[in-house]
N, C-alpha and C. Protein backbone atom coordinates (compact mmCIF):
# COMPACT_ATOMS: atom_id res chain seq x y z
N HIS A 1 1.01 -1.19 -0.06
CA HIS A 1 0.05 0.19 -0.08
C HIS A 1 1.12 1.42 0.07
N HIS A 2 0.67 1.78 -0.58
CA HIS A 2 1.23 3.71 -0.29
C HIS A 2 0.21 4.88 -0.39
N ALA A 3 0.49 5.72 0.39
CA ALA A 3 -0.01 6.98 0.61
C ALA A 3 0.12 7.90 -0.42
N HIS A 4 -0.52 8.95 -1.09
CA HIS A 4 0.01 10.25 -1.60
C HIS A 4 -0.47 11.34 -1.08
N ALA A 5 0.31 12.21 -0.50
CA ALA A 5 -0.35 13.56 0.03
C ALA A 5 0.26 14.78 -0.47
N GLY A 6 -0.37 15.57 -1.25
CA GLY A 6 -0.42 16.83 -1.79
C GLY A 6 0.88 16.65 -3.36
N PRO A 7 0.95 17.62 -4.08
CA PRO A 7 1.86 17.80 -4.60
C PRO A 7 3.43 17.11 -4.81
N GLY A 8 3.99 17.10 -6.01
CA GLY A 8 5.36 16.70 -5.91
C GLY A 8 5.81 15.22 -6.34
N THR A 9 6.99 14.91 -6.44
CA THR A 9 6.86 13.55 -7.31
C THR A 9 6.56 12.07 -6.38
N ALA A 10 6.49 11.09 -6.70
CA ALA A 10 5.73 10.26 -6.09
C ALA A 10 6.71 9.58 -5.31
N GLU A 11 8.11 9.74 -5.76
CA GLU A 11 9.03 9.37 -3.87
C GLU A 11 8.82 10.58 -3.23
N ASP A 12 8.98 11.75 -3.66
CA ASP A 12 8.17 12.67 -2.39
C ASP A 12 6.97 12.50 -1.59
N ARG A 13 5.97 11.90 -2.36
CA ARG A 13 4.75 11.40 -1.86
C ARG A 13 4.73 10.18 -1.09
N GLN A 14 5.35 9.19 -1.44
CA GLN A 14 5.44 8.02 -1.54
C GLN A 14 5.30 7.78 0.59
N VAL A 15 4.67 7.08 0.79
CA VAL A 15 4.80 6.85 2.60
C VAL A 15 5.16 5.25 2.38
N GLU A 16 5.28 5.02 4.03
CA GLU A 16 5.85 3.34 4.49
C GLU A 16 3.88 3.43 5.13
N ASN A 17 3.84 2.02 5.47
CA ASN A 17 2.70 1.52 6.51
C ASN A 17 2.96 0.24 6.49
N PRO A 18 2.53 -0.89 7.12
CA PRO A 18 1.52 -0.63 8.51
C PRO A 18 2.29 -0.43 9.71
N ASP A 19 1.30 0.51 10.61
CA ASP A 19 1.86 0.99 11.83
C ASP A 19 2.03 -0.64 12.60
N PRO A 20 3.31 -1.38 13.11
CA PRO A 20 3.10 -2.58 13.73
C PRO A 20 2.13 -2.99 14.80
N ASP A 21 2.21 -1.07 15.88
CA ASP A 21 1.85 -1.28 16.91
C ASP A 21 0.11 -1.10 16.70
N THR A 22 -0.57 -0.64 15.86
CA THR A 22 -2.16 -0.82 15.82
C THR A 22 -2.68 -1.33 14.00
N HIS A 23 -1.42 -1.99 14.07
CA HIS A 23 -1.88 -2.54 12.30
C HIS A 23 -2.65 -2.18 11.04
N GLN A 24 -2.54 -0.32 11.77
CA GLN A 24 -3.46 0.30 10.56
C GLN A 24 -2.30 0.86 9.71
N GLN A 25 -2.47 1.48 8.97
CA GLN A 25 -1.84 2.26 8.04
C GLN A 25 -1.47 3.78 8.91
N GLN A 26 -0.08 3.93 8.50
CA GLN A 26 0.05 5.06 9.01
C GLN A 26 1.36 5.36 8.04
N PRO A 27 1.31 6.76 7.40
CA PRO A 27 2.06 7.47 6.86
C PRO A 27 3.24 7.79 7.87
N THR A 28 4.28 7.76 6.76
CA THR A 28 5.67 7.77 7.84
C THR A 28 6.54 8.75 6.54
N ALA A 29 6.85 10.14 6.63
CA ALA A 29 7.49 10.41 5.65
C ALA A 29 8.80 10.41 4.95
N LYS A 30 9.19 10.31 3.91
CA LYS A 30 10.37 10.19 3.92
C LYS A 30 11.18 11.18 2.91
N ALA A 31 10.50 12.36 2.97
CA ALA A 31 11.38 13.73 2.26
C ALA A 31 10.35 15.08 3.80
N ARG A 32 11.72 15.60 4.04
CA ARG A 32 11.12 16.37 4.99
C ARG A 32 11.20 17.82 4.29
N PRO A 33 9.60 18.54 4.62
CA PRO A 33 9.82 19.85 3.35
C PRO A 33 10.90 20.51 3.92
N ARG A 34 10.96 21.47 2.78
CA ARG A 34 11.62 22.24 2.74
C ARG A 34 11.75 23.69 3.89
N THR A 35 10.30 23.91 4.02
CA THR A 35 9.89 25.04 4.97
C THR A 35 10.00 24.51 6.53
N ALA A 36 10.22 22.95 7.09
CA ALA A 36 10.16 22.14 8.14
C ALA A 36 11.23 23.63 9.29
N HIS A 37 12.20 23.87 8.78
CA HIS A 37 13.11 25.46 9.67
C HIS A 37 11.88 26.35 9.99
N ARG A 38 11.35 26.88 9.05
CA ARG A 38 10.00 27.99 9.57
C ARG A 38 8.89 28.03 10.18
N THR A 39 8.36 26.45 10.13
CA THR A 39 7.36 25.88 11.39
C THR A 39 7.40 26.32 12.47
N HIS A 40 6.28 26.47 13.36
CA HIS A 40 6.45 25.86 14.72
C HIS A 40 6.06 24.57 15.07
N HIS A 41 4.44 24.64 14.08
CA HIS A 41 4.04 23.29 14.69
C HIS A 41 3.92 22.30 13.90
N ARG A 42 3.71 21.10 13.76
CA ARG A 42 3.71 20.19 13.04
C ARG A 42 3.00 18.86 13.68
N SER A 43 1.95 18.49 12.84
CA SER A 43 0.91 17.49 13.82
C SER A 43 0.40 16.75 12.17
N HIS A 44 0.17 15.26 12.91
CA HIS A 44 -1.02 14.83 12.01
C HIS A 44 -1.78 14.13 12.58
N ASP A 45 -2.55 13.35 11.83
CA ASP A 45 -4.35 12.97 12.39
C ASP A 45 -4.51 11.47 11.46
N HIS A 46 -5.13 11.20 12.21
CA HIS A 46 -6.08 9.79 11.60
C HIS A 46 -7.16 10.19 11.76
N GLY A 47 -7.81 10.64 10.07
CA GLY A 47 -9.76 9.97 10.56
C GLY A 47 -9.87 11.82 10.76
N GLY A 48 -8.90 12.84 10.44
CA GLY A 48 -9.36 14.03 11.44
C GLY A 48 -8.69 14.00 12.92
N VAL A 49 -8.38 13.13 13.40
CA VAL A 49 -8.30 13.53 14.70
C VAL A 49 -6.94 13.95 15.23
N ILE A 50 -6.42 15.28 15.70
CA ILE A 50 -4.77 14.85 16.06
C ILE A 50 -4.34 14.05 17.15
N ARG A 51 -3.17 13.17 16.65
CA ARG A 51 -2.63 12.16 16.99
C ARG A 51 -1.42 12.42 17.82
N GLU A 52 -0.73 13.07 17.16
CA GLU A 52 0.81 13.57 17.32
C GLU A 52 1.07 14.67 17.14
N ALA A 53 1.99 15.48 18.04
CA ALA A 53 2.33 16.95 17.03
C ALA A 53 3.55 17.14 18.01
N VAL A 54 4.37 18.16 17.20
CA VAL A 54 5.84 19.13 17.90
C VAL A 54 5.20 20.07 17.32
N PRO A 55 5.85 20.91 18.82
CA PRO A 55 6.60 20.67 19.47
C PRO A 55 5.55 20.02 20.56
N ALA A 56 6.55 19.48 21.69
CA ALA A 56 5.61 18.67 22.74
C ALA A 56 4.41 19.50 23.60
N ALA A 57 5.11 21.07 23.53
CA ALA A 57 4.49 21.78 24.42
C ALA A 57 2.95 21.98 23.89
N ASP A 58 3.00 21.65 22.24
CA ASP A 58 1.79 21.66 22.12
C ASP A 58 0.50 20.47 22.22
N LYS A 59 1.05 19.42 22.10
CA LYS A 59 0.65 18.19 22.56
C LYS A 59 -0.73 18.12 23.77
N ALA A 60 -0.25 18.75 24.52
CA ALA A 60 -1.93 18.74 25.23
C ALA A 60 -3.38 19.72 24.86
N ILE A 61 -2.16 20.74 23.68
CA ILE A 61 -3.93 21.42 23.53
C ILE A 61 -4.40 20.85 22.67
N VAL A 62 -3.45 20.32 21.78
CA VAL A 62 -3.50 19.90 20.42
C VAL A 62 -4.36 18.75 20.62
N VAL A 63 -3.91 17.89 20.73
CA VAL A 63 -4.39 16.10 20.88
C VAL A 63 -5.41 15.54 21.07
N GLY A 64 -6.05 14.80 20.02
CA GLY A 64 -7.28 15.19 20.63
C GLY A 64 -8.44 16.04 19.94
N GLN A 65 -7.96 17.15 19.57
CA GLN A 65 -8.51 17.73 18.55
C GLN A 65 -9.22 17.21 17.23
N ASN A 66 -10.86 17.36 17.31
CA ASN A 66 -11.48 16.59 15.76
C ASN A 66 -11.42 17.42 14.31
N LEU A 67 -10.28 17.17 13.85
CA LEU A 67 -11.07 18.77 12.74
C LEU A 67 -11.77 18.59 12.20
N LEU A 68 -12.63 17.83 11.66
CA LEU A 68 -13.63 17.60 10.84
C LEU A 68 -14.88 17.89 12.20
N GLN A 69 -15.05 18.01 12.97
CA GLN A 69 -16.52 18.07 13.58
C GLN A 69 -16.02 19.32 14.37
N ASN A 70 -14.57 19.63 14.96
CA ASN A 70 -14.80 21.39 15.77
C ASN A 70 -15.54 22.12 14.51
N PRO A 71 -15.96 23.09 14.90
CA PRO A 71 -16.66 24.51 14.19
C PRO A 71 -15.67 25.00 13.64
N ARG A 72 -14.58 24.87 14.32
CA ARG A 72 -13.37 26.22 13.86
C ARG A 72 -12.71 26.00 12.70
N THR A 73 -12.74 24.59 12.35
CA THR A 73 -11.93 23.76 11.58
C THR A 73 -12.42 22.77 10.84
N ALA A 74 -13.71 22.61 10.89
CA ALA A 74 -14.30 21.90 10.43
C ALA A 74 -14.75 22.16 8.71
N VAL A 75 -14.77 23.33 8.61
CA VAL A 75 -15.74 24.00 6.57
C VAL A 75 -14.09 23.22 6.27
N HIS A 76 -12.61 24.31 6.39
CA HIS A 76 -11.61 24.21 5.90
C HIS A 76 -11.10 22.55 5.66
N ALA A 77 -11.27 21.92 6.57
CA ALA A 77 -10.98 20.47 6.82
C ALA A 77 -11.48 19.89 5.80
N ALA A 78 -12.65 20.02 5.56
CA ALA A 78 -14.11 18.90 5.18
C ALA A 78 -13.40 19.59 3.19
N GLU A 79 -13.42 20.61 2.87
CA GLU A 79 -12.80 21.14 1.61
C GLU A 79 -11.63 20.30 1.57
N ALA A 80 -10.59 19.80 2.59
CA ALA A 80 -9.05 19.79 1.88
C ALA A 80 -9.27 18.79 1.67
N ARG A 81 -10.41 17.53 2.75
CA ARG A 81 -10.52 16.28 2.38
C ARG A 81 -11.47 15.81 0.98
N GLU A 82 -12.39 16.65 0.85
CA GLU A 82 -13.24 16.59 -0.88
C GLU A 82 -12.26 16.72 -1.42
N THR A 83 -11.39 17.92 -1.59
CA THR A 83 -10.80 18.47 -2.67
C THR A 83 -9.58 17.81 -2.67
N GLY A 84 -8.86 17.44 -1.84
CA GLY A 84 -8.19 16.64 -2.04
C GLY A 84 -6.51 17.48 -2.28
N LYS A 85 -6.60 18.41 -2.11
CA LYS A 85 -5.61 19.45 -2.43
C LYS A 85 -5.36 20.15 -0.83
N LEU A 86 -4.34 20.90 -0.87
CA LEU A 86 -3.69 21.45 0.41
C LEU A 86 -4.71 22.83 0.85
N VAL A 87 -5.39 22.97 1.88
CA VAL A 87 -5.81 24.17 2.20
C VAL A 87 -5.01 25.24 3.30
N VAL A 88 -5.16 26.28 2.81
CA VAL A 88 -4.60 26.90 3.87
C VAL A 88 -5.92 27.87 4.80
N GLU A 89 -5.73 28.24 5.95
CA GLU A 89 -6.64 29.12 6.87
C GLU A 89 -5.74 30.06 7.65
N GLY A 90 -6.50 31.34 7.51
CA GLY A 90 -5.67 31.89 8.58
C GLY A 90 -5.04 33.09 7.92
N PRO A 91 -4.87 33.84 8.40
CA PRO A 91 -3.75 34.32 10.26
C PRO A 91 -5.54 34.42 11.17
N PHE A 92 -5.04 33.32 12.19
CA PHE A 92 -6.46 33.51 12.84
C PHE A 92 -5.70 33.08 14.21
N GLN A 93 -6.16 33.50 15.84
CA GLN A 93 -6.05 32.68 16.41
C GLN A 93 -6.37 31.76 16.95
N LEU A 94 -4.89 31.15 17.42
CA LEU A 94 -5.00 29.34 17.85
C LEU A 94 -5.37 29.20 18.91
N LEU A 95 -5.55 27.78 19.05
CA LEU A 95 -6.19 27.60 20.45
C LEU A 95 -5.08 27.75 21.82
N GLU A 96 -3.84 27.92 21.25
CA GLU A 96 -2.78 28.16 21.87
C GLU A 96 -2.35 29.90 22.69
N GLY A 97 -3.12 30.52 21.82
CA GLY A 97 -3.54 31.57 21.87
C GLY A 97 -3.06 32.73 21.25
N ARG A 98 -1.66 32.35 20.25
CA ARG A 98 -0.73 33.02 19.53
C ARG A 98 -2.50 33.32 18.13
N THR A 99 -1.85 33.86 17.02
CA THR A 99 -1.83 34.03 15.57
C THR A 99 -1.02 33.68 15.07
N GLY A 100 -1.78 32.90 14.00
CA GLY A 100 -0.66 31.98 12.97
C GLY A 100 -1.64 31.34 11.48
N LEU A 101 -0.52 30.75 10.81
CA LEU A 101 -2.11 30.86 9.10
C LEU A 101 -1.35 29.02 9.87
N VAL A 102 -2.22 28.29 9.33
CA VAL A 102 -2.27 26.66 9.39
C VAL A 102 -2.26 26.29 7.73
N GLY A 103 -1.70 25.07 7.61
CA GLY A 103 -1.83 24.31 6.00
C GLY A 103 -2.03 22.81 6.56
N ARG A 104 -3.68 22.45 6.23
CA ARG A 104 -3.27 21.02 6.12
C ARG A 104 -4.04 20.24 4.35
N LEU A 105 -2.82 19.39 4.71
CA LEU A 105 -2.81 18.50 3.43
C LEU A 105 -3.32 17.00 4.05
N PRO A 106 -4.47 16.19 3.00
CA PRO A 106 -4.93 15.58 3.15
C PRO A 106 -4.10 14.44 2.52
N VAL A 107 -4.58 13.42 3.62
CA VAL A 107 -3.58 12.11 2.99
C VAL A 107 -4.42 11.00 2.26
N PHE A 108 -4.45 10.31 1.11
CA PHE A 108 -4.71 9.59 1.00
C PHE A 108 -4.21 7.79 0.81
N LEU A 109 -4.56 7.01 1.74
CA LEU A 109 -3.84 5.28 0.59
C LEU A 109 -4.68 4.77 -0.07
N ASP A 110 -3.86 4.38 -0.63
CA ASP A 110 -4.11 3.64 -1.80
C ASP A 110 -4.64 2.13 -1.10
N GLN A 111 -6.24 1.99 -1.91
CA GLN A 111 -6.28 0.55 -1.55
C GLN A 111 -6.82 -0.22 -2.54
N PRO A 112 -6.99 -2.20 -1.84
CA PRO A 112 -6.44 -3.21 -2.73
C PRO A 112 -7.59 -2.82 -3.99
N SER A 113 -8.86 -2.03 -3.89
CA SER A 113 -9.86 -2.16 -4.63
C SER A 113 -9.17 -0.79 -5.98
N GLY A 114 -8.16 -0.43 -5.33
CA GLY A 114 -7.45 1.33 -6.43
C GLY A 114 -7.98 2.50 -5.76
N ALA A 115 -9.47 2.19 -5.43
CA ALA A 115 -9.38 3.83 -4.91
C ALA A 115 -9.18 4.16 -3.49
N PRO A 116 -8.61 5.31 -3.29
CA PRO A 116 -8.18 5.82 -2.61
C PRO A 116 -9.26 5.92 -1.36
N ALA A 117 -8.50 6.14 -0.57
CA ALA A 117 -9.41 5.95 1.00
C ALA A 117 -8.56 7.54 1.97
N PHE A 118 -9.69 8.00 2.29
CA PHE A 118 -9.30 8.89 3.09
C PHE A 118 -8.31 8.57 4.21
N TRP A 119 -7.06 9.14 4.88
CA TRP A 119 -6.49 8.30 6.28
C TRP A 119 -6.14 9.62 7.13
N GLY A 120 -5.85 10.75 6.48
CA GLY A 120 -5.90 12.30 8.06
C GLY A 120 -5.39 12.90 7.21
N PHE A 121 -5.02 14.22 8.04
CA PHE A 121 -4.12 14.90 7.51
C PHE A 121 -3.01 15.51 8.23
N VAL A 122 -2.24 16.16 7.26
CA VAL A 122 -0.60 16.24 7.52
C VAL A 122 -1.03 18.21 8.12
N ASN A 123 -0.35 18.86 9.32
CA ASN A 123 -0.95 19.75 9.69
C ASN A 123 0.62 20.88 10.10
N VAL A 124 0.57 21.85 9.69
CA VAL A 124 1.46 22.68 9.60
C VAL A 124 0.94 24.36 9.84
N ILE A 125 1.63 24.68 11.02
CA ILE A 125 1.48 25.92 11.89
C ILE A 125 2.42 27.07 11.45
N VAL A 126 2.00 28.03 10.91
CA VAL A 126 3.58 28.87 10.87
C VAL A 126 2.65 29.91 12.09
N HIS A 127 3.88 31.08 12.55
CA HIS A 127 3.21 31.66 13.57
C HIS A 127 3.59 33.43 12.84
N PHE A 128 2.82 34.40 13.42
CA PHE A 128 2.95 35.85 12.98
C PHE A 128 2.92 36.15 14.62
N PRO A 129 4.31 37.41 14.01
CA PRO A 129 4.60 37.75 12.87
C PRO A 129 5.96 37.07 12.65
N GLU A 130 6.32 35.63 13.33
CA GLU A 130 7.61 35.66 12.60
C GLU A 130 7.50 35.29 10.89
N ALA A 131 6.22 34.38 10.39
CA ALA A 131 6.21 33.95 9.57
C ALA A 131 6.81 34.98 8.16
N LEU A 132 6.21 36.25 8.55
CA LEU A 132 7.11 37.48 7.69
C LEU A 132 8.55 38.27 7.85
N ALA A 133 8.96 37.70 8.76
CA ALA A 133 10.65 37.93 8.44
C ALA A 133 11.13 37.88 7.66
N ASP A 134 11.46 36.90 6.87
CA ASP A 134 12.19 36.65 5.47
C ASP A 134 11.61 37.71 4.69
N ALA A 135 9.76 38.57 4.92
CA ALA A 135 9.62 39.45 3.58
C ALA A 135 10.17 40.75 4.38
N ARG A 136 11.11 41.43 5.29
CA ARG A 136 11.40 42.10 6.09
C ARG A 136 10.91 43.39 5.37
N LEU A 137 9.46 43.54 5.55
CA LEU A 137 8.38 44.82 5.82
C LEU A 137 9.00 45.78 7.02
N ALA A 138 9.84 45.59 7.82
CA ALA A 138 10.06 46.75 8.52
C ALA A 138 11.01 47.40 7.41
N SER A 139 11.82 47.17 7.16
CA SER A 139 13.11 48.11 6.18
C SER A 139 12.50 48.97 5.55
N LEU A 140 10.87 48.60 5.44
CA LEU A 140 10.37 49.75 4.44
C LEU A 140 10.18 51.29 4.89
N ARG A 141 10.69 51.03 6.23
CA ARG A 141 10.87 52.17 7.22
C ARG A 141 11.80 52.73 7.02
N GLU A 142 12.82 52.20 6.88
CA GLU A 142 14.09 52.73 6.30
C GLU A 142 14.42 53.80 4.73
N SER A 143 13.23 53.36 3.71
CA SER A 143 13.15 53.89 2.72
C SER A 143 11.96 54.95 3.39
N GLN A 144 11.65 55.55 4.42
CA GLN A 144 10.38 56.45 4.70
C GLN A 144 8.94 56.44 3.58
N LEU A 145 8.71 54.27 4.41
CA LEU A 145 7.62 54.19 3.62
C LEU A 145 6.72 53.92 4.79
N ASP A 146 5.53 53.62 4.77
CA ASP A 146 4.00 53.15 5.60
C ASP A 146 4.17 51.76 5.18
N TYR A 147 3.72 50.66 5.07
CA TYR A 147 3.35 49.77 5.22
C TYR A 147 1.92 49.06 5.56
N GLU A 148 1.03 48.03 5.25
CA GLU A 148 -0.24 47.43 5.93
C GLU A 148 -0.22 46.12 4.93
N LEU A 149 -0.29 45.29 5.31
CA LEU A 149 -0.52 43.81 4.57
C LEU A 149 -1.55 43.14 4.85
N TRP A 150 -3.06 42.94 4.10
CA TRP A 150 -4.14 43.09 5.32
C TRP A 150 -5.23 41.89 3.90
N THR A 151 -5.94 41.50 4.53
CA THR A 151 -6.75 40.81 3.48
C THR A 151 -8.16 40.87 4.32
N HIS A 152 -9.43 39.87 3.01
CA HIS A 152 -10.19 39.60 3.97
C HIS A 152 -10.93 38.07 4.13
N PRO A 153 -10.39 37.54 5.03
CA PRO A 153 -10.55 36.33 5.71
C PRO A 153 -11.85 35.64 4.87
N ILE A 154 -11.83 34.02 4.28
CA ILE A 154 -12.90 34.19 3.56
C ILE A 154 -13.95 33.87 4.06
N GLY A 155 -15.17 34.27 3.35
CA GLY A 155 -16.71 34.26 4.03
C GLY A 155 -17.11 35.97 4.58
N SER A 156 -15.78 36.46 4.77
CA SER A 156 -16.08 37.82 5.46
C SER A 156 -15.65 38.84 4.94
N THR A 157 -16.52 40.26 5.05
CA THR A 157 -16.16 41.57 4.53
C THR A 157 -15.03 42.25 5.12
N GLN A 158 -14.82 41.72 6.78
CA GLN A 158 -14.16 42.65 7.19
C GLN A 158 -12.72 42.91 6.84
N ARG A 159 -11.77 43.53 6.98
CA ARG A 159 -10.45 43.57 6.67
C ARG A 159 -10.07 43.36 8.02
N GLN A 160 -8.70 42.34 7.20
CA GLN A 160 -7.77 41.79 8.65
C GLN A 160 -6.46 42.38 8.01
N VAL A 161 -6.21 43.24 9.09
CA VAL A 161 -4.66 43.09 9.32
C VAL A 161 -4.12 42.54 9.43
N ILE A 162 -2.98 41.59 8.49
CA ILE A 162 -2.16 41.32 8.95
C ILE A 162 -0.57 41.71 9.91
N ALA A 163 -0.10 42.93 9.18
CA ALA A 163 0.97 43.31 9.38
C ALA A 163 0.76 44.70 9.63
N ALA A 164 1.12 45.44 9.73
CA ALA A 164 1.25 47.52 9.39
C ALA A 164 2.52 47.82 10.42
N SER A 165 3.16 49.11 10.04
CA SER A 165 3.94 49.75 10.74
C SER A 165 3.28 50.66 11.48
N GLY A 166 2.30 50.51 11.32
CA GLY A 166 1.66 51.87 12.39
C GLY A 166 0.40 51.76 12.91
N PRO A 167 -0.43 52.36 13.46
CA PRO A 167 -2.73 51.70 14.06
C PRO A 167 -2.84 52.19 12.83
N HIS A 168 -2.23 53.49 11.99
CA HIS A 168 -3.22 54.49 11.28
C HIS A 168 -3.48 54.03 9.80
N PRO A 169 -4.62 53.62 9.27
CA PRO A 169 -4.86 53.13 8.07
C PRO A 169 -3.89 54.61 7.31
N LEU A 170 -3.00 53.57 5.97
CA LEU A 170 -2.57 54.62 5.17
C LEU A 170 -3.27 55.19 3.91
N VAL A 171 -2.85 56.73 3.36
CA VAL A 171 -3.22 57.41 3.19
C VAL A 171 -3.03 57.50 1.39
N GLN A 172 -3.42 57.41 1.04
CA GLN A 172 -3.69 56.46 -0.81
C GLN A 172 -2.66 56.01 -0.87
N PRO A 173 -2.75 54.70 -0.33
CA PRO A 173 -1.17 53.90 -0.61
C PRO A 173 -1.36 53.09 -2.32
N VAL A 174 -0.09 52.72 -2.63
CA VAL A 174 0.35 52.31 -3.86
C VAL A 174 -0.06 50.44 -3.13
N GLU A 175 -1.13 49.70 -4.17
CA GLU A 175 -1.01 48.52 -3.55
C GLU A 175 -1.25 47.33 -4.39
N SER A 176 -0.63 46.07 -4.37
CA SER A 176 -0.42 45.20 -4.54
C SER A 176 -0.98 43.76 -4.13
N THR A 177 -1.43 43.16 -5.02
CA THR A 177 -2.27 41.88 -4.35
C THR A 177 -1.06 40.32 -4.79
N VAL A 178 -1.66 39.32 -3.85
CA VAL A 178 -1.07 38.00 -4.21
C VAL A 178 -2.00 36.93 -3.87
N GLU A 179 -2.66 36.04 -5.02
CA GLU A 179 -3.56 35.13 -4.54
C GLU A 179 -2.46 33.77 -3.73
N LEU A 180 -3.66 33.72 -2.19
CA LEU A 180 -2.80 32.63 -1.72
C LEU A 180 -3.80 31.60 -1.89
N PRO A 181 -3.91 30.44 -1.00
CA PRO A 181 -4.68 29.16 -0.62
C PRO A 181 -6.21 30.11 0.18
N SER A 182 -5.49 30.68 0.75
CA SER A 182 -6.43 31.12 1.84
C SER A 182 -7.07 32.54 1.61
N GLY A 183 -6.62 32.41 0.27
CA GLY A 183 -7.59 34.36 -0.64
C GLY A 183 -6.00 34.91 -0.76
N VAL A 184 -6.61 36.46 -1.08
CA VAL A 184 -6.03 37.47 -1.59
C VAL A 184 -5.28 38.27 -0.09
N TRP A 185 -4.47 39.00 -0.50
CA TRP A 185 -3.83 39.48 0.52
C TRP A 185 -2.99 40.91 -0.50
N THR A 186 -2.81 41.86 0.22
CA THR A 186 -2.83 42.86 -0.17
C THR A 186 -1.54 43.83 0.92
N LEU A 187 -0.68 44.03 0.00
CA LEU A 187 0.03 45.35 0.95
C LEU A 187 0.22 46.06 -0.02
N GLY A 188 -0.36 47.23 0.97
CA GLY A 188 0.00 48.63 0.85
C GLY A 188 0.77 49.50 1.48
N VAL A 189 1.68 50.34 0.23
CA VAL A 189 2.79 51.50 1.00
C VAL A 189 2.64 52.42 0.53
N ALA A 190 2.71 53.33 1.58
CA ALA A 190 2.73 54.92 1.06
C ALA A 190 3.74 55.65 1.93
N PRO A 191 4.03 57.45 1.50
CA PRO A 191 5.49 57.29 1.88
C PRO A 191 4.62 57.71 3.73
N LEU A 192 5.98 57.85 4.18
CA LEU A 192 5.37 58.13 5.89
C LEU A 192 5.23 59.72 5.58
N ASP A 193 4.43 59.50 7.01
CA ASP A 193 3.93 61.66 6.79
C ASP A 193 4.47 61.99 7.78
């Protein structure tokens, strides 16, 4: 049996199983994600219920959470399971109280019949504002520019500010948008007042 999870080569996606303790198929990644050093939390679940999480401090908070039944996660988790694609949601307030963005990648196991069966998710969380460190937004201030990075969360008309150089809205900013799996993010830049 093999499992398939998201994009990449077959070698990147192939996993081994079964788990000798439970006699259930358990994916074991052969390839480490290139962004693992930037993530705060990684977990996997079986059938939507989180079974493992790192770092260990997060285990008490997230292990046992059913992503398909929790009202905060059910819609996006079901979307990932139904489409077979990575779903990214956030940023939003995480269970441990910080702000973060979560990616959920559904994992499917090949069955003897040839039809894939849903196994669970691989979940990755990145915290904000740390996730934006490589963007060096704060360096815009050195160029005498204010900035604001914002989005409209899926299903909302409210503007959500992700990062900003100050508390006040920008006056006539130049804006650029980027489409992400979680929606459209907009970066606005304007001269310092």
